[in-house]
C-alpha atoms as a PDB file:
ATOM      1  CA  UNK A   1       0.000   0.000   0.000  1.00  0.00           C
ATOM      2  CA  UNK A   2       1.389   3.356  -1.029  1.00  0.00           C
ATOM      3  CA  UNK A   3       1.457   6.127   1.563  1.00  0.00           C
ATOM      4  CA  UNK A   4       0.789   9.696   0.510  1.00  0.00           C
ATOM      5  CA  UNK A   5       3.337  12.355   1.369  1.00  0.00           C
ATOM      6  CA  UNK A   6       1.038  13.855   4.003  1.00  0.00           C
ATOM      7  CA  UNK A   7       0.512  10.422   5.581  1.00  0.00           C
ATOM      8  CA  UNK A   8       4.273   9.842   5.694  1.00  0.00           C
ATOM      9  CA  UNK A   9       4.721  13.205   7.439  1.00  0.00           C
ATOM     10  CA  UNK A  10       1.976  12.417   9.940  1.00  0.00           C
ATOM     11  CA  UNK A  11       3.461   8.983  10.662  1.00  0.00           C
ATOM     12  CA  UNK A  12       6.938  10.453  11.155  1.00  0.00           C
ATOM     13  CA  UNK A  13       5.583  13.148  13.480  1.00  0.00           C
ATOM     14  CA  UNK A  14       3.648  10.576  15.550  1.00  0.00           C
ATOM     15  CA  UNK A  15       6.689   8.277  15.756  1.00  0.00           C
ATOM     16  CA  UNK A  16       8.921  11.088  16.976  1.00  0.00           C
ATOM     17  CA  UNK A  17       6.357  12.287  19.511  1.00  0.00           C
ATOM     18  CA  UNK A  18       5.626   8.786  20.841  1.00  0.00           C
ATOM     19  CA  UNK A  19       9.084   7.210  20.907  1.00  0.00           C
ATOM     20  CA  UNK A  20       8.657   5.621  24.375  1.00  0.00           C
ATOM     21  CA  UNK A  21       5.227   4.195  23.528  1.00  0.00           C
ATOM     22  CA  UNK A  22       6.555   2.753  20.254  1.00  0.00           C
ATOM     23  CA  UNK A  23       9.409   1.113  22.146  1.00  0.00           C
ATOM     24  CA  UNK A  24       6.934  -0.374  24.646  1.00  0.00           C
ATOM     25  CA  UNK A  25       4.715  -1.756  21.877  1.00  0.00           C
ATOM     26  CA  UNK A  26       7.676  -3.249  20.057  1.00  0.00           C
ATOM     27  CA  UNK A  27       9.006  -4.976  23.190  1.00  0.00           C
ATOM     28  CA  UNK A  28       5.545  -6.290  24.064  1.00  0.00           C
ATOM     29  CA  UNK A  29       5.098  -7.709  20.584  1.00  0.00           C
ATOM     30  CA  UNK A  30       8.502  -9.357  20.683  1.00  0.00           C
ATOM     31  CA  UNK A  31       7.748 -10.958  24.054  1.00  0.00           C
ATOM     32  CA  UNK A  32       4.376 -12.264  22.905  1.00  0.00           C
ATOM     33  CA  UNK A  33       5.850 -13.662  19.713  1.00  0.00           C
ATOM     34  CA  UNK A  34       8.618 -15.421  21.635  1.00  0.00           C
ATOM     35  CA  UNK A  35       6.134 -16.982  24.042  1.00  0.00           C
ATOM     36  CA  UNK A  36       3.823 -18.141  21.250  1.00  0.00           C
ATOM     37  CA  UNK A  37       6.420 -19.389  18.786  1.00  0.00           C
ATOM     38  CA  UNK A  38       9.760 -20.249  20.351  1.00  0.00           C
ATOM     39  CA  UNK A  39       9.583 -20.642  24.131  1.00  0.00           C
ATOM     40  CA  UNK A  40      10.441 -24.015  25.616  1.00  0.00           C
ATOM     41  CA  UNK A  41       8.886 -25.392  28.763  1.00  0.00           C
ATOM     42  CA  UNK A  42      11.956 -24.214  30.732  1.00  0.00           C
ATOM     43  CA  UNK A  43      11.592 -20.738  29.222  1.00  0.00           C
ATOM     44  CA  UNK A  44       7.937 -20.612  30.214  1.00  0.00           C
ATOM     45  CA  UNK A  45       8.747 -21.674  33.780  1.00  0.00           C
ATOM     46  CA  UNK A  46      11.396 -18.945  34.040  1.00  0.00           C
ATOM     47  CA  UNK A  47       8.988 -16.387  32.622  1.00  0.00           C
ATOM     48  CA  UNK A  48       6.300 -17.381  35.126  1.00  0.00           C
ATOM     49  CA  UNK A  49       8.735 -16.668  37.965  1.00  0.00           C
ATOM     50  CA  UNK A  50       9.657 -13.304  36.451  1.00  0.00           C
ATOM     51  CA  UNK A  51       5.994 -12.414  35.983  1.00  0.00           C
ATOM     52  CA  UNK A  52       5.168 -13.340  39.579  1.00  0.00           C
ATOM     53  CA  UNK A  53       8.017 -11.161  40.845  1.00  0.00           C
ATOM     54  CA  UNK A  54       6.976  -8.269  38.622  1.00  0.00           C
ATOM     55  CA  UNK A  55       3.335  -8.502  39.728  1.00  0.00           C
ATOM     56  CA  UNK A  56       4.415  -8.437  43.360  1.00  0.00           C
ATOM     57  CA  UNK A  57       6.618  -5.407  42.725  1.00  0.00           C
ATOM     58  CA  UNK A  58       3.860  -3.504  40.885  1.00  0.00           C
ATOM     59  CA  UNK A  59       1.235  -4.276  43.527  1.00  0.00           C
ATOM     60  CA  UNK A  60       3.490  -2.784  46.227  1.00  0.00           C
ATOM     61  CA  UNK A  61       3.860   0.555  44.430  1.00  0.00           C
END
């Protein structure tokens, strides 16, 4: 799909303004893809421990 010049400008402006949010979305997508497509049982067990720790940390804030 071809983007118009004005759409390219708008996309660039949004990307520059929302750099942290873009980074968050990219990392989240990478994590989800890893879990769905490549994670082994050991990986999933490790991730469960990390998630439990992170939940505990966030609930204490």
